[in-house]
Amino acid sequence: MKSVDKELHLRHLTVDEALFRLDQYLNDAFMAGLPSVCIVHGKGTGTLRQAVHEVLAKHPLVKSFRPGDYGEGDYGVTIVELVSR
């Protein structure tokens, strides 16, 4: 089984590039048995964050998600809880 990092960095990518990587990453993280992951999308204009949240809201492997808290990256990251295997 391949090693999967607990963070996915999407900053400086186009929305299409980021969403493609996000879907692959969520599948890999689920298969690796990670209970939760951190998606780093940056603060910027919020376009990437919004696109990521739209995908997460419909993704079958996502149990829940929330913006990062103070010290986690604030609204520049999203914390995702994955469904159990």
PDB file of N, CA and C in Angstrom:
ATOM      1  N   MET A   1       0.858  -1.182   0.000  1.00  0.00           N
ATOM      2  CA  MET A   1       0.000   0.000   0.000  1.00  0.00           C
ATOM      3  C   MET A   1       0.900   1.240   0.000  1.00  0.00           C
ATOM      4  N   LYS A   2       0.542   2.213  -0.812  1.00  0.00           N
ATOM      5  CA  LYS A   2       1.394   3.396  -0.898  1.00  0.00           C
ATOM      6  C   LYS A   2       1.118   4.361   0.249  1.00  0.00           C
ATOM      7  N   SER A   3       2.133   5.106   0.615  1.00  0.00           N
ATOM      8  CA  SER A   3       2.030   6.088   1.684  1.00  0.00           C
ATOM      9  C   SER A   3       1.305   7.334   1.163  1.00  0.00           C
ATOM     10  N   VAL A   4       0.396   7.848   1.982  1.00  0.00           N
ATOM     11  CA  VAL A   4      -0.387   9.028   1.604  1.00  0.00           C
ATOM     12  C   VAL A   4      -0.200  10.088   2.682  1.00  0.00           C
ATOM     13  N   ASP A   5       0.163  11.288   2.271  1.00  0.00           N
ATOM     14  CA  ASP A   5       0.345  12.410   3.189  1.00  0.00           C
ATOM     15  C   ASP A   5      -1.016  12.846   3.734  1.00  0.00           C
ATOM     16  N   LYS A   6      -1.037  13.384   4.959  1.00  0.00           N
ATOM     17  CA  LYS A   6      -2.293  13.873   5.546  1.00  0.00           C
ATOM     18  C   LYS A   6      -2.723  15.227   4.984  1.00  0.00           C
ATOM     19  N   GLU A   7      -1.878  15.858   4.150  1.00  0.00           N
ATOM     20  CA  GLU A   7      -2.211  17.156   3.555  1.00  0.00           C
ATOM     21  C   GLU A   7      -2.100  17.093   2.040  1.00  0.00           C
ATOM     22  N   LEU A   8      -3.027  17.764   1.396  1.00  0.00           N
ATOM     23  CA  LEU A   8      -2.971  17.939  -0.059  1.00  0.00           C
ATOM     24  C   LEU A   8      -2.869  19.431  -0.331  1.00  0.00           C
ATOM     25  N   HIS A   9      -1.827  19.852  -1.034  1.00  0.00           N
ATOM     26  CA  HIS A   9      -1.611  21.263  -1.344  1.00  0.00           C
ATOM     27  C   HIS A   9      -2.110  21.559  -2.762  1.00  0.00           C
ATOM     28  N   LEU A  10      -3.082  22.461  -2.851  1.00  0.00           N
ATOM     29  CA  LEU A  10      -3.693  22.814  -4.134  1.00  0.00           C
ATOM     30  C   LEU A  10      -3.427  24.261  -4.537  1.00  0.00           C
ATOM     31  N   ARG A  11      -2.725  25.004  -3.717  1.00  0.00           N
ATOM     32  CA  ARG A  11      -2.462  26.418  -4.022  1.00  0.00           C
ATOM     33  C   ARG A  11      -1.755  26.549  -5.359  1.00  0.00           C
ATOM     34  N   HIS A  12      -2.069  27.595  -6.085  1.00  0.00           N
ATOM     35  CA  HIS A  12      -1.450  27.951  -7.367  1.00  0.00           C
ATOM     36  C   HIS A  12      -1.848  27.025  -8.518  1.00  0.00           C
ATOM     37  N   LEU A  13      -2.866  26.195  -8.319  1.00  0.00           N
ATOM     38  CA  LEU A  13      -3.363  25.345  -9.399  1.00  0.00           C
ATOM     39  C   LEU A  13      -4.643  25.958  -9.960  1.00  0.00           C
ATOM     40  N   THR A  14      -4.977  25.607 -11.192  1.00  0.00           N
ATOM     41  CA  THR A  14      -6.282  26.008 -11.717  1.00  0.00           C
ATOM     42  C   THR A  14      -7.342  25.156 -11.024  1.00  0.00           C
ATOM     43  N   VAL A  15      -8.586  25.573 -11.106  1.00  0.00           N
ATOM     44  CA  VAL A  15      -9.672  24.813 -10.489  1.00  0.00           C
ATOM     45  C   VAL A  15      -9.717  23.399 -11.078  1.00  0.00           C
ATOM     46  N   ASP A  16      -9.612  23.270 -12.396  1.00  0.00           N
ATOM     47  CA  ASP A  16      -9.654  21.947 -13.026  1.00  0.00           C
ATOM     48  C   ASP A  16      -8.520  21.051 -12.542  1.00  0.00           C
ATOM     49  N   GLU A  17      -7.311  21.590 -12.482  1.00  0.00           N
ATOM     50  CA  GLU A  17      -6.161  20.808 -12.002  1.00  0.00           C
ATOM     51  C   GLU A  17      -6.376  20.390 -10.539  1.00  0.00           C
ATOM     52  N   ALA A  18      -6.824  21.321  -9.736  1.00  0.00           N
ATOM     53  CA  ALA A  18      -7.014  21.059  -8.312  1.00  0.00           C
ATOM     54  C   ALA A  18      -8.081  19.998  -8.072  1.00  0.00           C
ATOM     55  N   LEU A  19      -9.196  20.084  -8.781  1.00  0.00           N
ATOM     56  CA  LEU A  19     -10.280  19.124  -8.562  1.00  0.00           C
ATOM     57  C   LEU A  19      -9.895  17.730  -9.021  1.00  0.00           C
ATOM     58  N   PHE A  20      -9.112  17.624 -10.077  1.00  0.00           N
ATOM     59  CA  PHE A  20      -8.625  16.326 -10.534  1.00  0.00           C
ATOM     60  C   PHE A  20      -7.735  15.705  -9.453  1.00  0.00           C
ATOM     61  N   ARG A  21      -6.814  16.497  -8.902  1.00  0.00           N
ATOM     62  CA  ARG A  21      -5.924  16.001  -7.847  1.00  0.00           C
ATOM     63  C   ARG A  21      -6.699  15.665  -6.582  1.00  0.00           C
ATOM     64  N   LEU A  22      -7.710  16.477  -6.268  1.00  0.00           N
ATOM     65  CA  LEU A  22      -8.511  16.254  -5.065  1.00  0.00           C
ATOM     66  C   LEU A  22      -9.208  14.899  -5.120  1.00  0.00           C
ATOM     67  N   ASP A  23      -9.824  14.573  -6.227  1.00  0.00           N
ATOM     68  CA  ASP A  23     -10.538  13.303  -6.346  1.00  0.00           C
ATOM     69  C   ASP A  23      -9.577  12.123  -6.199  1.00  0.00           C
ATOM     70  N   GLN A  24      -8.439  12.195  -6.860  1.00  0.00           N
ATOM     71  CA  GLN A  24      -7.429  11.137  -6.741  1.00  0.00           C
ATOM     72  C   GLN A  24      -6.955  11.004  -5.289  1.00  0.00           C
ATOM     73  N   TYR A  25      -6.704  12.146  -4.667  1.00  0.00           N
ATOM     74  CA  TYR A  25      -6.193  12.155  -3.300  1.00  0.00           C
ATOM     75  C   TYR A  25      -7.200  11.556  -2.322  1.00  0.00           C
ATOM     76  N   LEU A  26      -8.471  11.922  -2.439  1.00  0.00           N
ATOM     77  CA  LEU A  26      -9.484  11.389  -1.526  1.00  0.00           C
ATOM     78  C   LEU A  26      -9.567   9.869  -1.645  1.00  0.00           C
ATOM     79  N   ASN A  27      -9.500   9.351  -2.848  1.00  0.00           N
ATOM     80  CA  ASN A  27      -9.514   7.902  -3.048  1.00  0.00           C
ATOM     81  C   ASN A  27      -8.288   7.253  -2.413  1.00  0.00           C
ATOM     82  N   ASP A  28      -7.108   7.840  -2.634  1.00  0.00           N
ATOM     83  CA  ASP A  28      -5.873   7.307  -2.059  1.00  0.00           C
ATOM     84  C   ASP A  28      -5.903   7.356  -0.535  1.00  0.00           C
ATOM     85  N   ALA A  29      -6.372   8.462   0.036  1.00  0.00           N
ATOM     86  CA  ALA A  29      -6.431   8.619   1.486  1.00  0.00           C
ATOM     87  C   ALA A  29      -7.395   7.602   2.098  1.00  0.00           C
ATOM     88  N   PHE A  30      -8.522   7.384   1.461  1.00  0.00           N
ATOM     89  CA  PHE A  30      -9.487   6.394   1.941  1.00  0.00           C
ATOM     90  C   PHE A  30      -8.866   4.999   1.921  1.00  0.00           C
ATOM     91  N   MET A  31      -8.234   4.653   0.810  1.00  0.00           N
ATOM     92  CA  MET A  31      -7.615   3.328   0.683  1.00  0.00           C
ATOM     93  C   MET A  31      -6.479   3.133   1.682  1.00  0.00           C
ATOM     94  N   ALA A  32      -5.800   4.212   2.055  1.00  0.00           N
ATOM     95  CA  ALA A  32      -4.715   4.147   3.041  1.00  0.00           C
ATOM     96  C   ALA A  32      -5.249   4.097   4.471  1.00  0.00           C
ATOM     97  N   GLY A  33      -6.561   4.273   4.643  1.00  0.00           N
ATOM     98  CA  GLY A  33      -7.174   4.194   5.964  1.00  0.00           C
ATOM     99  C   GLY A  33      -7.066   5.452   6.799  1.00  0.00           C
ATOM    100  N   LEU A  34      -6.801   6.589   6.155  1.00  0.00           N
ATOM    101  CA  LEU A  34      -6.723   7.840   6.914  1.00  0.00           C
ATOM    102  C   LEU A  34      -8.122   8.261   7.370  1.00  0.00           C
ATOM    103  N   PRO A  35      -8.286   8.621   8.641  1.00  0.00           N
ATOM    104  CA  PRO A  35      -9.603   9.042   9.125  1.00  0.00           C
ATOM    105  C   PRO A  35      -9.954  10.468   8.712  1.00  0.00           C
ATOM    106  N   SER A  36      -8.929  11.310   8.579  1.00  0.00           N
ATOM    107  CA  SER A  36      -9.171  12.700   8.185  1.00  0.00           C
ATOM    108  C   SER A  36      -7.950  13.235   7.449  1.00  0.00           C
ATOM    109  N   VAL A  37      -8.178  14.281   6.649  1.00  0.00           N
ATOM    110  CA  VAL A  37      -7.111  14.903   5.869  1.00  0.00           C
ATOM    111  C   VAL A  37      -7.308  16.411   5.862  1.00  0.00           C
ATOM    112  N   CYS A  38      -6.264  17.108   5.453  1.00  0.00           N
ATOM    113  CA  CYS A  38      -6.289  18.565   5.369  1.00  0.00           C
ATOM    114  C   CYS A  38      -6.048  18.972   3.920  1.00  0.00           C
ATOM    115  N   ILE A  39      -6.967  19.739   3.367  1.00  0.00           N
ATOM    116  CA  ILE A  39      -6.843  20.241   2.004  1.00  0.00           C
ATOM    117  C   ILE A  39      -6.400  21.705   2.091  1.00  0.00           C
ATOM    118  N   VAL A  40      -5.224  22.013   1.554  1.00  0.00           N
ATOM    119  CA  VAL A  40      -4.678  23.375   1.584  1.00  0.00           C
ATOM    120  C   VAL A  40      -4.981  24.032   0.239  1.00  0.00           C
ATOM    121  N   HIS A  41      -5.946  24.958   0.240  1.00  0.00           N
ATOM    122  CA  HIS A  41      -6.350  25.626  -1.000  1.00  0.00           C
ATOM    123  C   HIS A  41      -5.976  27.094  -1.004  1.00  0.00           C
ATOM    124  N   GLY A  42      -5.520  27.616   0.117  1.00  0.00           N
ATOM    125  CA  GLY A  42      -5.150  29.023   0.205  1.00  0.00           C
ATOM    126  C   GLY A  42      -6.354  29.919   0.446  1.00  0.00           C
ATOM    127  N   LYS A  43      -6.080  31.163   0.711  1.00  0.00           N
ATOM    128  CA  LYS A  43      -7.142  32.126   1.014  1.00  0.00           C
ATOM    129  C   LYS A  43      -7.577  32.851  -0.251  1.00  0.00           C
ATOM    130  N   GLY A  44      -6.702  33.510  -0.937  1.00  0.00           N
ATOM    131  CA  GLY A  44      -6.969  34.154  -2.224  1.00  0.00           C
ATOM    132  C   GLY A  44      -8.355  34.748  -2.368  1.00  0.00           C
ATOM    133  N   THR A  45      -8.959  34.524  -3.537  1.00  0.00           N
ATOM    134  CA  THR A  45     -10.283  35.079  -3.828  1.00  0.00           C
ATOM    135  C   THR A  45     -11.407  34.185  -3.320  1.00  0.00           C
ATOM    136  N   GLY A  46     -11.077  32.957  -2.952  1.00  0.00           N
ATOM    137  CA  GLY A  46     -12.093  32.019  -2.462  1.00  0.00           C
ATOM    138  C   GLY A  46     -12.660  31.128  -3.552  1.00  0.00           C
ATOM    139  N   THR A  47     -12.255  31.334  -4.801  1.00  0.00           N
ATOM    140  CA  THR A  47     -12.782  30.539  -5.914  1.00  0.00           C
ATOM    141  C   THR A  47     -12.415  29.067  -5.763  1.00  0.00           C
ATOM    142  N   LEU A  48     -11.165  28.794  -5.448  1.00  0.00           N
ATOM    143  CA  LEU A  48     -10.722  27.412  -5.297  1.00  0.00           C
ATOM    144  C   LEU A  48     -11.378  26.766  -4.081  1.00  0.00           C
ATOM    145  N   ARG A  49     -11.455  27.494  -2.981  1.00  0.00           N
ATOM    146  CA  ARG A  49     -12.108  26.972  -1.773  1.00  0.00           C
ATOM    147  C   ARG A  49     -13.559  26.599  -2.075  1.00  0.00           C
ATOM    148  N   GLN A  50     -14.261  27.461  -2.776  1.00  0.00           N
ATOM    149  CA  GLN A  50     -15.658  27.201  -3.107  1.00  0.00           C
ATOM    150  C   GLN A  50     -15.794  25.954  -3.983  1.00  0.00           C
ATOM    151  N   ALA A  51     -14.934  25.808  -4.971  1.00  0.00           N
ATOM    152  CA  ALA A  51     -14.976  24.643  -5.852  1.00  0.00           C
ATOM    153  C   ALA A  51     -14.678  23.363  -5.070  1.00  0.00           C
ATOM    154  N   VAL A  52     -13.681  23.425  -4.174  1.00  0.00           N
ATOM    155  CA  VAL A  52     -13.341  22.268  -3.344  1.00  0.00           C
ATOM    156  C   VAL A  52     -14.528  21.889  -2.464  1.00  0.00           C
ATOM    157  N   HIS A  53     -15.167  22.857  -1.839  1.00  0.00           N
ATOM    158  CA  HIS A  53     -16.307  22.578  -0.963  1.00  0.00           C
ATOM    159  C   HIS A  53     -17.482  21.984  -1.736  1.00  0.00           C
ATOM    160  N   GLU A  54     -17.697  22.435  -2.965  1.00  0.00           N
ATOM    161  CA  GLU A  54     -18.779  21.873  -3.783  1.00  0.00           C
ATOM    162  C   GLU A  54     -18.526  20.397  -4.079  1.00  0.00           C
ATOM    163  N   VAL A  55     -17.284  20.046  -4.363  1.00  0.00           N
ATOM    164  CA  VAL A  55     -16.936  18.644  -4.624  1.00  0.00           C
ATOM    165  C   VAL A  55     -17.063  17.823  -3.346  1.00  0.00           C
ATOM    166  N   LEU A  56     -16.546  18.343  -2.247  1.00  0.00           N
ATOM    167  CA  LEU A  56     -16.593  17.611  -0.979  1.00  0.00           C
ATOM    168  C   LEU A  56     -18.026  17.340  -0.539  1.00  0.00           C
ATOM    169  N   ALA A  57     -18.932  18.272  -0.785  1.00  0.00           N
ATOM    170  CA  ALA A  57     -20.321  18.123  -0.371  1.00  0.00           C
ATOM    171  C   ALA A  57     -21.008  16.942  -1.058  1.00  0.00           C
ATOM    172  N   LYS A  58     -20.514  16.546  -2.239  1.00  0.00           N
ATOM    173  CA  LYS A  58     -21.137  15.462  -3.002  1.00  0.00           C
ATOM    174  C   LYS A  58     -20.301  14.190  -3.056  1.00  0.00           C
ATOM    175  N   HIS A  59     -19.090  14.238  -2.535  1.00  0.00           N
ATOM    176  CA  HIS A  59     -18.173  13.101  -2.693  1.00  0.00           C
ATOM    177  C   HIS A  59     -18.582  11.943  -1.771  1.00  0.00           C
ATOM    178  N   PRO A  60     -18.684  10.725  -2.299  1.00  0.00           N
ATOM    179  CA  PRO A  60     -19.144   9.588  -1.488  1.00  0.00           C
ATOM    180  C   PRO A  60     -18.185   9.156  -0.374  1.00  0.00           C
ATOM    181  N   LEU A  61     -16.923   9.545  -0.433  1.00  0.00           N
ATOM    182  CA  LEU A  61     -15.968   9.155   0.603  1.00  0.00           C
ATOM    183  C   LEU A  61     -15.845  10.186   1.718  1.00  0.00           C
ATOM    184  N   VAL A  62     -16.560  11.298   1.609  1.00  0.00           N
ATOM    185  CA  VAL A  62     -16.474  12.378   2.592  1.00  0.00           C
ATOM    186  C   VAL A  62     -17.636  12.296   3.573  1.00  0.00           C
ATOM    187  N   LYS A  63     -17.279  12.130   4.851  1.00  0.00           N
ATOM    188  CA  LYS A  63     -18.302  12.094   5.907  1.00  0.00           C
ATOM    189  C   LYS A  63     -18.704  13.521   6.278  1.00  0.00           C
ATOM    190  N   SER A  64     -17.703  14.392   6.442  1.00  0.00           N
ATOM    191  CA  SER A  64     -17.958  15.793   6.779  1.00  0.00           C
ATOM    192  C   SER A  64     -16.711  16.617   6.466  1.00  0.00           C
ATOM    193  N   PHE A  65     -16.889  17.938   6.451  1.00  0.00           N
ATOM    194  CA  PHE A  65     -15.747  18.837   6.260  1.00  0.00           C
ATOM    195  C   PHE A  65     -16.054  20.163   6.922  1.00  0.00           C
ATOM    196  N   ARG A  66     -14.973  20.877   7.241  1.00  0.00           N
ATOM    197  CA  ARG A  66     -15.107  22.174   7.923  1.00  0.00           C
ATOM    198  C   ARG A  66     -13.901  23.032   7.596  1.00  0.00           C
ATOM    199  N   PRO A  67     -14.054  24.345   7.723  1.00  0.00           N
ATOM    200  CA  PRO A  67     -12.884  25.227   7.555  1.00  0.00           C
ATOM    201  C   PRO A  67     -11.890  24.971   8.685  1.00  0.00           C
ATOM    202  N   GLY A  68     -10.629  25.236   8.425  1.00  0.00           N
ATOM    203  CA  GLY A  68      -9.617  25.095   9.460  1.00  0.00           C
ATOM    204  C   GLY A  68      -9.832  26.097  10.577  1.00  0.00           C
ATOM    205  N   ASP A  69      -9.463  25.707  11.779  1.00  0.00           N
ATOM    206  CA  ASP A  69      -9.531  26.590  12.937  1.00  0.00           C
ATOM    207  C   ASP A  69      -8.258  27.427  13.020  1.00  0.00           C
ATOM    208  N   TYR A  70      -8.247  28.341  13.947  1.00  0.00           N
ATOM    209  CA  TYR A  70      -7.046  29.127  14.218  1.00  0.00           C
ATOM    210  C   TYR A  70      -5.926  28.149  14.550  1.00  0.00           C
ATOM    211  N   GLY A  71      -4.781  28.289  13.924  1.00  0.00           N
ATOM    212  CA  GLY A  71      -3.659  27.392  14.159  1.00  0.00           C
ATOM    213  C   GLY A  71      -3.622  26.213  13.194  1.00  0.00           C
ATOM    214  N   GLU A  72      -4.727  25.956  12.495  1.00  0.00           N
ATOM    215  CA  GLU A  72      -4.777  24.884  11.491  1.00  0.00           C
ATOM    216  C   GLU A  72      -4.600  25.442  10.081  1.00  0.00           C
ATOM    217  N   GLY A  73      -4.738  26.750   9.954  1.00  0.00           N
ATOM    218  CA  GLY A  73      -4.645  27.379   8.643  1.00  0.00           C
ATOM    219  C   GLY A  73      -5.842  28.264   8.344  1.00  0.00           C
ATOM    220  N   ASP A  74      -6.696  28.431   9.340  1.00  0.00           N
ATOM    221  CA  ASP A  74      -7.898  29.263   9.189  1.00  0.00           C
ATOM    222  C   ASP A  74      -8.662  28.887   7.926  1.00  0.00           C
ATOM    223  N   TYR A  75      -9.171  29.868   7.218  1.00  0.00           N
ATOM    224  CA  TYR A  75      -9.994  29.573   6.043  1.00  0.00           C
ATOM    225  C   TYR A  75      -9.162  29.302   4.789  1.00  0.00           C
ATOM    226  N   GLY A  76      -7.865  29.127   4.949  1.00  0.00           N
ATOM    227  CA  GLY A  76      -7.001  28.725   3.839  1.00  0.00           C
ATOM    228  C   GLY A  76      -6.906  27.217   3.688  1.00  0.00           C
ATOM    229  N   VAL A  77      -7.506  26.491   4.650  1.00  0.00           N
ATOM    230  CA  VAL A  77      -7.518  25.029   4.585  1.00  0.00           C
ATOM    231  C   VAL A  77      -8.914  24.512   4.901  1.00  0.00           C
ATOM    232  N   THR A  78      -9.157  23.291   4.490  1.00  0.00           N
ATOM    233  CA  THR A  78     -10.398  22.601   4.829  1.00  0.00           C
ATOM    234  C   THR A  78     -10.025  21.258   5.426  1.00  0.00           C
ATOM    235  N   ILE A  79     -10.617  20.939   6.581  1.00  0.00           N
ATOM    236  CA  ILE A  79     -10.386  19.675   7.250  1.00  0.00           C
ATOM    237  C   ILE A  79     -11.516  18.733   6.833  1.00  0.00           C
ATOM    238  N   VAL A  80     -11.132  17.556   6.341  1.00  0.00           N
ATOM    239  CA  VAL A  80     -12.100  16.600   5.805  1.00  0.00           C
ATOM    240  C   VAL A  80     -12.064  15.317   6.620  1.00  0.00           C
ATOM    241  N   GLU A  81     -13.230  14.876   7.083  1.00  0.00           N
ATOM    242  CA  GLU A  81     -13.357  13.583   7.747  1.00  0.00           C
ATOM    243  C   GLU A  81     -13.872  12.590   6.709  1.00  0.00           C
ATOM    244  N   LEU A  82     -13.158  11.490   6.552  1.00  0.00           N
ATOM    245  CA  LEU A  82     -13.535  10.488   5.563  1.00  0.00           C
ATOM    246  C   LEU A  82     -14.443   9.429   6.191  1.00  0.00           C
ATOM    247  N   VAL A  83     -15.231   8.767   5.365  1.00  0.00           N
ATOM    248  CA  VAL A  83     -16.072   7.674   5.845  1.00  0.00           C
ATOM    249  C   VAL A  83     -15.186   6.521   6.292  1.00  0.00           C
ATOM    250  N   SER A  84     -15.707   5.670   7.149  1.00  0.00           N
ATOM    251  CA  SER A  84     -14.956   4.514   7.627  1.00  0.00           C
ATOM    252  C   SER A  84     -14.966   3.415   6.586  1.00  0.00           C
ATOM    253  N   ARG A  85     -13.915   2.623   6.622  1.00  0.00           N
ATOM    254  CA  ARG A  85     -13.821   1.486   5.694  1.00  0.00           C
ATOM    255  C   ARG A  85     -14.624   0.324   6.183  1.00  0.00           C
TER     256      ARG A  85
END
